Amino acid sequence: MKWGGQQPSSRRFALSTLAGTAVALGGNLGGITTQLLGLDGGKLAERLQLDAVYPVRGLKRCVDGVYGFEFQYPASWLADQTVAYRAAQRAEASRALDMPPLARPPRQRPNVYEPVAAYGPAGSSGEENVSVIVAPIFEGFSLSAMGSPEKVATQFLATIAPEGSAKEAHLLSASMEYTVKGPNFARHNLSVITSK
């Protein structure tokens, strides 16, 4: 290999080799980064949170530093674009440089708590997904004040499938695993409720 009629310098060769290696690892070319990070069972990737970028052993990790949660999901799943779009809109509105219009006050949305993160299989309509909803809690609130898991789950299901709604909800376990069936859908859900 010659460069302009002469051998390339060893420095240039070393730099181009390092650059090529960095591109291959950074771009996960051929899945090499995924394979390397999985060699120790994914422990290094988890500690450095690299599994949020590169799939490791078939899973990726969602890490949210704002709300303080993290979970793993199948690497083939994609982020819900509606959730991402709404988050971008909220961020844009919070740092807008333009003054609000004087003609009419800005429209306020009611207190509706939407997912802050959601992932699901590509091409699905949401039947199978994992999502996180964050809502404020009252000062001094504790989960034990809500009552037993069975009581909380029963009250929750009564709001999802109230009498006369043509929906049926069945509690599968006290860990908030339940099914909901309506005229046009059937869902099997597992809910986790936590507080800080």
N, C-alpha and C. Protein backbone atom coordinates (compact mmCIF):
# COMPACT_ATOMS: atom_id res chain seq x y z
N MET A 1 0.86 -1.16 0.00
CA MET A 1 0.00 0.00 0.00
C MET A 1 0.90 1.23 0.00
N LYS A 2 0.69 2.09 -0.98
CA LYS A 2 1.52 3.28 -1.08
C LYS A 2 0.63 4.51 -1.15
N TRP A 3 1.14 5.58 -0.62
CA TRP A 3 0.43 6.85 -0.59
C TRP A 3 1.30 7.86 -1.34
N GLY A 4 0.87 8.26 -2.52
CA GLY A 4 1.63 9.23 -3.30
C GLY A 4 3.02 8.73 -3.65
N GLY A 5 3.15 7.42 -3.87
CA GLY A 5 4.43 6.87 -4.26
C GLY A 5 5.30 6.46 -3.09
N GLN A 6 4.81 6.62 -1.85
CA GLN A 6 5.63 6.21 -0.70
C GLN A 6 4.75 5.54 0.35
N GLN A 7 5.34 4.83 1.23
CA GLN A 7 4.61 4.15 2.31
C GLN A 7 4.03 5.21 3.26
N PRO A 8 2.78 4.99 3.75
CA PRO A 8 2.24 5.93 4.73
C PRO A 8 3.03 5.84 6.02
N SER A 9 3.06 6.94 6.74
CA SER A 9 3.79 6.95 8.01
C SER A 9 3.07 6.03 8.99
N SER A 10 3.82 5.50 9.94
CA SER A 10 3.24 4.61 10.94
C SER A 10 2.23 5.38 11.81
N ARG A 11 2.46 6.66 12.01
CA ARG A 11 1.53 7.50 12.77
C ARG A 11 0.18 7.61 12.04
N ARG A 12 0.23 7.89 10.74
CA ARG A 12 -0.99 8.00 9.94
C ARG A 12 -1.72 6.65 9.92
N PHE A 13 -0.98 5.57 9.79
CA PHE A 13 -1.58 4.24 9.77
C PHE A 13 -2.27 3.94 11.10
N ALA A 14 -1.61 4.27 12.22
CA ALA A 14 -2.18 4.03 13.55
C ALA A 14 -3.43 4.88 13.77
N LEU A 15 -3.39 6.14 13.35
CA LEU A 15 -4.56 7.02 13.51
C LEU A 15 -5.74 6.54 12.68
N SER A 16 -5.48 6.12 11.45
CA SER A 16 -6.59 5.65 10.61
C SER A 16 -7.15 4.33 11.15
N THR A 17 -6.29 3.48 11.71
CA THR A 17 -6.77 2.24 12.32
C THR A 17 -7.63 2.54 13.54
N LEU A 18 -7.18 3.47 14.39
CA LEU A 18 -7.97 3.86 15.56
C LEU A 18 -9.30 4.49 15.15
N ALA A 19 -9.29 5.34 14.14
CA ALA A 19 -10.52 5.98 13.67
C ALA A 19 -11.48 4.93 13.13
N GLY A 20 -10.98 3.99 12.35
CA GLY A 20 -11.83 2.93 11.81
C GLY A 20 -12.42 2.06 12.90
N THR A 21 -11.62 1.75 13.92
CA THR A 21 -12.12 0.96 15.04
C THR A 21 -13.18 1.73 15.81
N ALA A 22 -12.97 3.02 16.03
CA ALA A 22 -13.96 3.85 16.73
C ALA A 22 -15.27 3.91 15.96
N VAL A 23 -15.19 4.03 14.65
CA VAL A 23 -16.41 4.07 13.83
C VAL A 23 -17.13 2.73 13.90
N ALA A 24 -16.38 1.64 13.81
CA ALA A 24 -17.00 0.31 13.86
C ALA A 24 -17.67 0.06 15.21
N LEU A 25 -17.00 0.42 16.31
CA LEU A 25 -17.58 0.21 17.63
C LEU A 25 -18.73 1.18 17.90
N GLY A 26 -18.52 2.45 17.58
CA GLY A 26 -19.56 3.46 17.81
C GLY A 26 -20.81 3.21 17.00
N GLY A 27 -20.62 2.72 15.78
CA GLY A 27 -21.78 2.45 14.92
C GLY A 27 -22.33 1.05 15.06
N ASN A 28 -21.74 0.26 15.94
CA ASN A 28 -22.17 -1.12 16.16
C ASN A 28 -22.21 -1.89 14.84
N LEU A 29 -21.22 -1.65 13.99
CA LEU A 29 -21.17 -2.29 12.68
C LEU A 29 -21.08 -3.79 12.84
N GLY A 30 -21.99 -4.48 12.17
CA GLY A 30 -22.03 -5.94 12.26
C GLY A 30 -22.40 -6.45 13.64
N GLY A 31 -22.89 -5.59 14.50
CA GLY A 31 -23.27 -5.99 15.85
C GLY A 31 -22.09 -6.26 16.76
N ILE A 32 -20.91 -5.76 16.38
CA ILE A 32 -19.70 -6.06 17.16
C ILE A 32 -19.76 -5.48 18.56
N THR A 33 -20.28 -4.27 18.72
CA THR A 33 -20.35 -3.65 20.04
C THR A 33 -21.32 -4.42 20.92
N THR A 34 -22.44 -4.82 20.36
CA THR A 34 -23.41 -5.62 21.09
C THR A 34 -22.79 -6.91 21.59
N GLN A 35 -22.03 -7.57 20.72
CA GLN A 35 -21.39 -8.83 21.11
C GLN A 35 -20.34 -8.62 22.20
N LEU A 36 -19.53 -7.59 22.06
CA LEU A 36 -18.50 -7.32 23.06
C LEU A 36 -19.12 -6.97 24.42
N LEU A 37 -20.17 -6.18 24.42
CA LEU A 37 -20.80 -5.79 25.68
C LEU A 37 -21.53 -6.95 26.35
N GLY A 38 -21.87 -7.97 25.59
CA GLY A 38 -22.56 -9.13 26.16
C GLY A 38 -21.63 -10.20 26.70
N LEU A 39 -20.32 -10.04 26.52
CA LEU A 39 -19.37 -11.07 26.94
C LEU A 39 -19.39 -11.32 28.45
N ASP A 40 -19.59 -10.28 29.24
CA ASP A 40 -19.63 -10.45 30.69
C ASP A 40 -21.06 -10.53 31.22
N GLY A 41 -21.98 -10.87 30.37
CA GLY A 41 -23.38 -10.94 30.76
C GLY A 41 -24.06 -9.59 30.79
N GLY A 42 -23.41 -8.57 30.27
CA GLY A 42 -24.00 -7.24 30.21
C GLY A 42 -23.74 -6.40 31.44
N LYS A 43 -22.90 -6.88 32.35
CA LYS A 43 -22.66 -6.14 33.61
C LYS A 43 -21.98 -4.79 33.37
N LEU A 44 -20.95 -4.77 32.51
CA LEU A 44 -20.26 -3.50 32.22
C LEU A 44 -21.21 -2.54 31.51
N ALA A 45 -21.96 -3.05 30.56
CA ALA A 45 -22.91 -2.20 29.81
C ALA A 45 -23.95 -1.60 30.75
N GLU A 46 -24.42 -2.40 31.71
CA GLU A 46 -25.41 -1.89 32.66
C GLU A 46 -24.78 -0.84 33.57
N ARG A 47 -23.58 -1.10 34.07
CA ARG A 47 -22.92 -0.15 34.97
C ARG A 47 -22.65 1.18 34.28
N LEU A 48 -22.24 1.14 33.01
CA LEU A 48 -21.95 2.37 32.26
C LEU A 48 -23.17 2.90 31.50
N GLN A 49 -24.29 2.22 31.64
CA GLN A 49 -25.55 2.55 30.96
C GLN A 49 -25.40 2.54 29.44
N LEU A 50 -24.49 1.73 28.94
CA LEU A 50 -24.33 1.58 27.49
C LEU A 50 -25.46 0.77 26.87
N ASP A 51 -26.16 -0.02 27.71
CA ASP A 51 -27.28 -0.80 27.19
C ASP A 51 -28.50 0.08 26.89
N ALA A 52 -28.41 1.37 27.18
CA ALA A 52 -29.44 2.31 26.75
C ALA A 52 -29.23 2.71 25.29
N VAL A 53 -28.01 2.49 24.78
CA VAL A 53 -27.67 2.84 23.40
C VAL A 53 -27.55 1.60 22.53
N TYR A 54 -26.85 0.59 23.04
CA TYR A 54 -26.60 -0.64 22.29
C TYR A 54 -27.37 -1.80 22.90
N PRO A 55 -28.04 -2.60 22.09
CA PRO A 55 -28.72 -3.77 22.65
C PRO A 55 -27.70 -4.76 23.21
N VAL A 56 -28.02 -5.33 24.37
CA VAL A 56 -27.15 -6.32 25.00
C VAL A 56 -28.02 -7.51 25.38
N ARG A 57 -27.66 -8.66 24.83
CA ARG A 57 -28.38 -9.91 25.10
C ARG A 57 -29.87 -9.78 24.78
N GLY A 58 -30.18 -9.06 23.70
CA GLY A 58 -31.55 -8.93 23.22
C GLY A 58 -32.39 -7.88 23.91
N LEU A 59 -31.79 -7.10 24.82
CA LEU A 59 -32.55 -6.09 25.55
C LEU A 59 -31.86 -4.74 25.47
N LYS A 60 -32.66 -3.68 25.57
CA LYS A 60 -32.16 -2.32 25.74
C LYS A 60 -32.74 -1.79 27.03
N ARG A 61 -32.17 -0.71 27.51
CA ARG A 61 -32.60 -0.13 28.79
C ARG A 61 -33.07 1.29 28.56
N CYS A 62 -34.19 1.63 29.17
CA CYS A 62 -34.66 3.01 29.21
C CYS A 62 -34.23 3.57 30.56
N VAL A 63 -33.46 4.64 30.55
CA VAL A 63 -32.99 5.29 31.78
C VAL A 63 -33.49 6.73 31.76
N ASP A 64 -34.25 7.11 32.76
CA ASP A 64 -34.77 8.47 32.85
C ASP A 64 -34.19 9.14 34.09
N GLY A 65 -33.29 10.09 33.88
CA GLY A 65 -32.66 10.80 34.99
C GLY A 65 -33.55 11.84 35.62
N VAL A 66 -34.57 12.31 34.90
CA VAL A 66 -35.46 13.35 35.43
C VAL A 66 -36.38 12.76 36.50
N TYR A 67 -37.05 11.66 36.17
CA TYR A 67 -38.00 11.04 37.10
C TYR A 67 -37.40 9.88 37.89
N GLY A 68 -36.22 9.44 37.53
CA GLY A 68 -35.52 8.44 38.31
C GLY A 68 -36.02 7.01 38.14
N PHE A 69 -36.36 6.61 36.94
CA PHE A 69 -36.76 5.22 36.72
C PHE A 69 -35.92 4.64 35.59
N GLU A 70 -35.89 3.33 35.55
CA GLU A 70 -35.27 2.62 34.44
C GLU A 70 -35.91 1.25 34.33
N PHE A 71 -35.93 0.73 33.11
CA PHE A 71 -36.46 -0.61 32.86
C PHE A 71 -35.86 -1.12 31.56
N GLN A 72 -35.93 -2.42 31.37
CA GLN A 72 -35.44 -3.04 30.15
C GLN A 72 -36.62 -3.41 29.27
N TYR A 73 -36.38 -3.40 27.97
CA TYR A 73 -37.40 -3.79 27.00
C TYR A 73 -36.71 -4.51 25.84
N PRO A 74 -37.46 -5.30 25.07
CA PRO A 74 -36.84 -6.02 23.95
C PRO A 74 -36.18 -5.06 22.96
N ALA A 75 -34.99 -5.41 22.50
CA ALA A 75 -34.22 -4.54 21.61
C ALA A 75 -34.93 -4.25 20.30
N SER A 76 -35.84 -5.11 19.88
CA SER A 76 -36.55 -4.89 18.62
C SER A 76 -37.70 -3.90 18.76
N TRP A 77 -38.07 -3.54 19.99
CA TRP A 77 -39.15 -2.59 20.20
C TRP A 77 -38.68 -1.17 19.92
N LEU A 78 -39.62 -0.31 19.55
CA LEU A 78 -39.33 1.08 19.22
C LEU A 78 -40.03 2.02 20.20
N ALA A 79 -39.49 3.21 20.34
CA ALA A 79 -40.13 4.23 21.18
C ALA A 79 -41.42 4.69 20.52
N ASP A 80 -42.43 4.94 21.33
CA ASP A 80 -43.71 5.43 20.84
C ASP A 80 -43.52 6.85 20.33
N GLN A 81 -43.79 7.09 19.07
CA GLN A 81 -43.54 8.39 18.46
C GLN A 81 -44.48 9.47 18.98
N THR A 82 -45.70 9.11 19.34
CA THR A 82 -46.64 10.10 19.88
C THR A 82 -46.13 10.63 21.21
N VAL A 83 -45.63 9.74 22.07
CA VAL A 83 -45.09 10.16 23.37
C VAL A 83 -43.87 11.06 23.15
N ALA A 84 -42.98 10.67 22.23
CA ALA A 84 -41.79 11.47 21.95
C ALA A 84 -42.17 12.84 21.39
N TYR A 85 -43.17 12.88 20.50
CA TYR A 85 -43.61 14.13 19.89
C TYR A 85 -44.20 15.07 20.95
N ARG A 86 -45.04 14.53 21.83
CA ARG A 86 -45.64 15.37 22.88
C ARG A 86 -44.59 15.89 23.86
N ALA A 87 -43.60 15.06 24.17
CA ALA A 87 -42.51 15.50 25.04
C ALA A 87 -41.73 16.63 24.39
N ALA A 88 -41.49 16.53 23.08
CA ALA A 88 -40.79 17.59 22.35
C ALA A 88 -41.62 18.87 22.35
N GLN A 89 -42.94 18.75 22.19
CA GLN A 89 -43.81 19.93 22.22
C GLN A 89 -43.77 20.61 23.59
N ARG A 90 -43.82 19.81 24.67
CA ARG A 90 -43.76 20.39 26.01
C ARG A 90 -42.43 21.09 26.24
N ALA A 91 -41.34 20.47 25.80
CA ALA A 91 -40.02 21.08 25.97
C ALA A 91 -39.93 22.38 25.18
N GLU A 92 -40.47 22.38 23.98
CA GLU A 92 -40.44 23.58 23.14
C GLU A 92 -41.26 24.70 23.78
N ALA A 93 -42.43 24.37 24.32
CA ALA A 93 -43.29 25.37 24.94
C ALA A 93 -42.65 25.96 26.20
N SER A 94 -41.89 25.14 26.92
CA SER A 94 -41.29 25.62 28.16
C SER A 94 -40.12 26.56 27.92
N ARG A 95 -39.51 26.52 26.75
CA ARG A 95 -38.37 27.40 26.48
C ARG A 95 -38.59 28.28 25.25
N ALA A 96 -39.85 28.54 24.93
CA ALA A 96 -40.16 29.37 23.77
C ALA A 96 -39.63 30.78 23.98
N LEU A 97 -39.09 31.36 22.93
CA LEU A 97 -38.55 32.72 23.00
C LEU A 97 -39.59 33.77 22.62
N ASP A 98 -40.63 33.37 21.91
CA ASP A 98 -41.66 34.32 21.48
C ASP A 98 -42.63 34.60 22.62
N MET A 99 -43.14 35.83 22.64
CA MET A 99 -44.17 36.20 23.60
C MET A 99 -45.47 35.52 23.20
N PRO A 100 -46.31 35.17 24.18
CA PRO A 100 -47.60 34.58 23.82
C PRO A 100 -48.47 35.63 23.13
N PRO A 101 -49.40 35.19 22.28
CA PRO A 101 -50.25 36.17 21.58
C PRO A 101 -51.14 36.91 22.58
N LEU A 102 -51.41 38.19 22.28
CA LEU A 102 -52.22 39.02 23.16
C LEU A 102 -53.71 38.81 22.93
N ALA A 103 -54.10 38.34 21.76
CA ALA A 103 -55.51 38.22 21.39
C ALA A 103 -56.25 37.21 22.25
N ARG A 104 -55.66 36.09 22.54
CA ARG A 104 -56.34 35.07 23.33
C ARG A 104 -55.32 34.40 24.24
N PRO A 105 -55.75 34.02 25.42
CA PRO A 105 -54.81 33.36 26.33
C PRO A 105 -54.44 31.98 25.80
N PRO A 106 -53.26 31.50 26.15
CA PRO A 106 -52.89 30.16 25.69
C PRO A 106 -53.82 29.10 26.25
N ARG A 107 -54.11 28.11 25.43
CA ARG A 107 -55.00 27.03 25.84
C ARG A 107 -54.31 26.16 26.89
N GLN A 108 -54.98 25.94 27.98
CA GLN A 108 -54.44 25.08 29.04
C GLN A 108 -55.03 23.69 28.90
N ARG A 109 -54.18 22.70 28.99
CA ARG A 109 -54.64 21.32 28.96
C ARG A 109 -55.06 20.91 30.36
N PRO A 110 -56.09 20.09 30.47
CA PRO A 110 -56.47 19.61 31.80
C PRO A 110 -55.37 18.71 32.35
N ASN A 111 -55.42 18.45 33.66
CA ASN A 111 -54.41 17.58 34.28
C ASN A 111 -54.64 16.14 33.83
N VAL A 112 -54.04 15.81 32.71
CA VAL A 112 -54.09 14.46 32.19
C VAL A 112 -52.66 13.94 32.23
N TYR A 113 -52.48 12.84 32.88
CA TYR A 113 -51.14 12.29 33.00
C TYR A 113 -50.91 11.28 31.89
N GLU A 114 -49.99 11.63 31.02
CA GLU A 114 -49.68 10.80 29.87
C GLU A 114 -48.35 10.10 30.12
N PRO A 115 -48.07 9.05 29.38
CA PRO A 115 -46.79 8.38 29.55
C PRO A 115 -45.62 9.32 29.26
N VAL A 116 -44.56 9.17 30.04
CA VAL A 116 -43.33 9.91 29.77
C VAL A 116 -42.36 9.05 29.00
N ALA A 117 -42.61 7.75 28.95
CA ALA A 117 -41.82 6.82 28.15
C ALA A 117 -42.73 5.67 27.75
N ALA A 118 -42.61 5.23 26.51
CA ALA A 118 -43.41 4.10 26.04
C ALA A 118 -42.68 3.42 24.89
N TYR A 119 -42.68 2.11 24.90
CA TYR A 119 -42.02 1.30 23.87
C TYR A 119 -42.93 0.14 23.51
N GLY A 120 -42.85 -0.27 22.24
CA GLY A 120 -43.64 -1.41 21.80
C GLY A 120 -43.10 -1.96 20.49
N PRO A 121 -43.64 -3.10 20.06
CA PRO A 121 -43.18 -3.69 18.80
C PRO A 121 -43.53 -2.81 17.61
N ALA A 122 -42.65 -2.82 16.61
CA ALA A 122 -42.88 -2.03 15.39
C ALA A 122 -44.16 -2.52 14.71
N GLY A 123 -44.96 -1.58 14.24
CA GLY A 123 -46.16 -1.90 13.48
C GLY A 123 -47.35 -2.33 14.30
N SER A 124 -47.25 -2.30 15.63
CA SER A 124 -48.39 -2.70 16.45
C SER A 124 -49.25 -1.49 16.74
N SER A 125 -50.44 -1.73 17.26
CA SER A 125 -51.33 -0.62 17.59
C SER A 125 -51.43 -0.41 19.09
N GLY A 126 -50.45 -0.90 19.84
CA GLY A 126 -50.38 -0.63 21.27
C GLY A 126 -50.88 -1.74 22.16
N GLU A 127 -51.28 -2.88 21.59
CA GLU A 127 -51.77 -3.96 22.45
C GLU A 127 -50.67 -4.47 23.36
N GLU A 128 -49.45 -4.49 22.86
CA GLU A 128 -48.32 -4.97 23.64
C GLU A 128 -47.33 -3.81 23.77
N ASN A 129 -47.11 -3.35 25.00
CA ASN A 129 -46.18 -2.24 25.19
C ASN A 129 -45.79 -2.15 26.65
N VAL A 130 -44.80 -1.32 26.90
CA VAL A 130 -44.45 -0.95 28.26
C VAL A 130 -44.43 0.58 28.28
N SER A 131 -45.08 1.15 29.27
CA SER A 131 -45.11 2.61 29.36
C SER A 131 -45.04 3.02 30.83
N VAL A 132 -44.58 4.25 31.04
CA VAL A 132 -44.44 4.80 32.40
C VAL A 132 -45.22 6.10 32.47
N ILE A 133 -46.11 6.19 33.46
CA ILE A 133 -46.87 7.41 33.71
C ILE A 133 -46.40 7.95 35.06
N VAL A 134 -46.02 9.21 35.09
CA VAL A 134 -45.56 9.85 36.32
C VAL A 134 -46.60 10.89 36.72
N ALA A 135 -47.05 10.82 37.96
CA ALA A 135 -48.03 11.78 38.47
C ALA A 135 -47.61 12.22 39.86
N PRO A 136 -47.95 13.45 40.22
CA PRO A 136 -47.57 13.94 41.55
C PRO A 136 -48.34 13.22 42.65
N ILE A 137 -47.76 13.16 43.83
CA ILE A 137 -48.44 12.60 45.00
C ILE A 137 -48.47 13.67 46.09
N PHE A 138 -49.41 13.51 47.00
CA PHE A 138 -49.58 14.47 48.07
C PHE A 138 -48.47 14.32 49.11
N GLU A 139 -48.15 15.41 49.77
CA GLU A 139 -47.17 15.40 50.85
C GLU A 139 -47.61 14.40 51.92
N GLY A 140 -46.70 13.54 52.34
CA GLY A 140 -46.99 12.57 53.38
C GLY A 140 -47.67 11.31 52.88
N PHE A 141 -47.85 11.19 51.57
CA PHE A 141 -48.52 10.02 51.01
C PHE A 141 -47.65 8.77 51.16
N SER A 142 -48.30 7.65 51.44
CA SER A 142 -47.59 6.37 51.44
C SER A 142 -48.48 5.34 50.74
N LEU A 143 -47.85 4.40 50.10
CA LEU A 143 -48.61 3.37 49.39
C LEU A 143 -49.48 2.55 50.35
N SER A 144 -49.00 2.34 51.56
CA SER A 144 -49.77 1.54 52.51
C SER A 144 -51.08 2.23 52.88
N ALA A 145 -51.15 3.57 52.77
CA ALA A 145 -52.38 4.29 53.07
C ALA A 145 -53.49 3.98 52.07
N MET A 146 -53.11 3.47 50.91
CA MET A 146 -54.11 3.15 49.89
C MET A 146 -54.90 1.89 50.24
N GLY A 147 -54.34 1.06 51.09
CA GLY A 147 -55.00 -0.18 51.45
C GLY A 147 -54.26 -1.36 50.85
N SER A 148 -54.88 -2.51 50.95
CA SER A 148 -54.25 -3.74 50.45
C SER A 148 -54.16 -3.70 48.92
N PRO A 149 -53.23 -4.44 48.36
CA PRO A 149 -53.15 -4.49 46.89
C PRO A 149 -54.46 -4.94 46.25
N GLU A 150 -55.17 -5.87 46.90
CA GLU A 150 -56.45 -6.35 46.35
C GLU A 150 -57.47 -5.21 46.30
N LYS A 151 -57.53 -4.41 47.38
CA LYS A 151 -58.48 -3.30 47.45
C LYS A 151 -58.16 -2.25 46.38
N VAL A 152 -56.88 -1.88 46.27
CA VAL A 152 -56.46 -0.89 45.28
C VAL A 152 -56.75 -1.39 43.87
N ALA A 153 -56.42 -2.64 43.61
CA ALA A 153 -56.64 -3.21 42.28
C ALA A 153 -58.12 -3.24 41.93
N THR A 154 -58.96 -3.60 42.89
CA THR A 154 -60.41 -3.64 42.64
C THR A 154 -60.95 -2.25 42.33
N GLN A 155 -60.51 -1.23 43.08
CA GLN A 155 -60.95 0.14 42.82
C GLN A 155 -60.46 0.62 41.45
N PHE A 156 -59.22 0.27 41.12
CA PHE A 156 -58.65 0.66 39.83
C PHE A 156 -59.43 0.04 38.68
N LEU A 157 -59.74 -1.24 38.80
CA LEU A 157 -60.48 -1.91 37.73
C LEU A 157 -61.90 -1.36 37.59
N ALA A 158 -62.49 -0.90 38.69
CA ALA A 158 -63.82 -0.30 38.62
C ALA A 158 -63.81 0.99 37.81
N THR A 159 -62.66 1.69 37.75
CA THR A 159 -62.58 2.90 36.93
C THR A 159 -62.32 2.56 35.46
N ILE A 160 -61.64 1.44 35.21
CA ILE A 160 -61.36 1.04 33.83
C ILE A 160 -62.57 0.41 33.16
N ALA A 161 -63.28 -0.41 33.93
CA ALA A 161 -64.45 -1.12 33.38
C ALA A 161 -65.63 -0.94 34.32
N PRO A 162 -66.20 0.28 34.35
CA PRO A 162 -67.34 0.50 35.24
C PRO A 162 -68.58 -0.28 34.78
N GLU A 163 -69.51 -0.48 35.70
CA GLU A 163 -70.74 -1.19 35.35
C GLU A 163 -71.46 -0.47 34.21
N GLY A 164 -71.99 -1.25 33.29
CA GLY A 164 -72.71 -0.70 32.15
C GLY A 164 -71.83 -0.22 31.01
N SER A 165 -70.51 -0.45 31.08
CA SER A 165 -69.60 0.03 30.02
C SER A 165 -69.36 -1.00 28.93
N ALA A 166 -69.91 -2.18 29.06
CA ALA A 166 -69.69 -3.29 28.12
C ALA A 166 -68.25 -3.79 28.16
N LYS A 167 -67.54 -3.45 29.23
CA LYS A 167 -66.18 -3.96 29.44
C LYS A 167 -66.16 -4.88 30.64
N GLU A 168 -65.29 -5.88 30.57
CA GLU A 168 -65.11 -6.79 31.70
C GLU A 168 -63.67 -6.72 32.15
N ALA A 169 -63.46 -6.57 33.45
CA ALA A 169 -62.11 -6.56 34.01
C ALA A 169 -62.00 -7.67 35.05
N HIS A 170 -60.92 -8.44 34.99
CA HIS A 170 -60.70 -9.56 35.91
C HIS A 170 -59.32 -9.43 36.52
N LEU A 171 -59.26 -9.33 37.84
CA LEU A 171 -58.00 -9.27 38.54
C LEU A 171 -57.36 -10.65 38.52
N LEU A 172 -56.13 -10.73 38.02
CA LEU A 172 -55.44 -12.01 37.92
C LEU A 172 -54.57 -12.28 39.14
N SER A 173 -54.04 -11.22 39.76
CA SER A 173 -53.28 -11.39 40.99
C SER A 173 -53.22 -10.05 41.71
N ALA A 174 -52.85 -10.10 42.99
CA ALA A 174 -52.78 -8.88 43.79
C ALA A 174 -51.60 -8.00 43.40
N SER A 175 -50.79 -8.47 42.48
CA SER A 175 -49.67 -7.64 42.03
C SER A 175 -50.10 -6.76 40.86
N MET A 176 -51.39 -6.55 40.72
CA MET A 176 -51.98 -5.71 39.66
C MET A 176 -51.77 -6.29 38.28
N GLU A 177 -51.99 -7.58 38.15
CA GLU A 177 -52.05 -8.19 36.83
C GLU A 177 -53.52 -8.44 36.55
N TYR A 178 -53.98 -7.93 35.42
CA TYR A 178 -55.40 -7.99 35.15
C TYR A 178 -55.65 -8.03 33.64
N THR A 179 -56.87 -8.43 33.29
CA THR A 179 -57.31 -8.39 31.89
C THR A 179 -58.50 -7.46 31.80
N VAL A 180 -58.63 -6.81 30.66
CA VAL A 180 -59.78 -5.97 30.37
C VAL A 180 -60.24 -6.32 28.96
N LYS A 181 -61.54 -6.63 28.82
CA LYS A 181 -62.08 -6.98 27.51
C LYS A 181 -63.25 -6.07 27.20
N GLY A 182 -63.28 -5.55 26.00
CA GLY A 182 -64.38 -4.73 25.53
C GLY A 182 -64.92 -5.31 24.25
N PRO A 183 -65.90 -4.66 23.65
CA PRO A 183 -66.47 -5.19 22.41
C PRO A 183 -65.44 -5.31 21.28
N ASN A 184 -64.44 -4.41 21.27
CA ASN A 184 -63.49 -4.40 20.15
C ASN A 184 -62.04 -4.64 20.57
N PHE A 185 -61.78 -5.02 21.81
CA PHE A 185 -60.40 -5.19 22.23
C PHE A 185 -60.30 -6.16 23.40
N ALA A 186 -59.09 -6.64 23.64
CA ALA A 186 -58.78 -7.46 24.81
C ALA A 186 -57.36 -7.10 25.24
N ARG A 187 -57.15 -6.80 26.50
CA ARG A 187 -55.83 -6.42 27.01
C ARG A 187 -55.48 -7.27 28.22
N HIS A 188 -54.22 -7.59 28.32
CA HIS A 188 -53.66 -8.27 29.49
C HIS A 188 -52.59 -7.33 30.03
N ASN A 189 -52.80 -6.78 31.22
CA ASN A 189 -51.92 -5.75 31.75
C ASN A 189 -51.25 -6.18 33.04
N LEU A 190 -50.08 -5.64 33.26
CA LEU A 190 -49.36 -5.78 34.52
C LEU A 190 -48.94 -4.38 34.93
N SER A 191 -49.44 -3.91 36.06
CA SER A 191 -49.15 -2.54 36.52
C SER A 191 -48.25 -2.59 37.73
N VAL A 192 -47.32 -1.65 37.79
CA VAL A 192 -46.45 -1.50 38.95
C VAL A 192 -46.63 -0.07 39.45
N ILE A 193 -46.93 0.07 40.74
CA ILE A 193 -47.15 1.38 41.34
C ILE A 193 -46.06 1.60 42.37
N THR A 194 -45.34 2.71 42.27
CA THR A 194 -44.29 3.02 43.23
C THR A 194 -44.38 4.49 43.63
N SER A 195 -43.73 4.84 44.71
CA SER A 195 -43.61 6.25 45.09
C SER A 195 -42.24 6.49 45.68
N LYS A 196 -41.80 7.76 45.60
CA LYS A 196 -40.50 8.12 46.16
C LYS A 196 -40.65 8.58 47.57
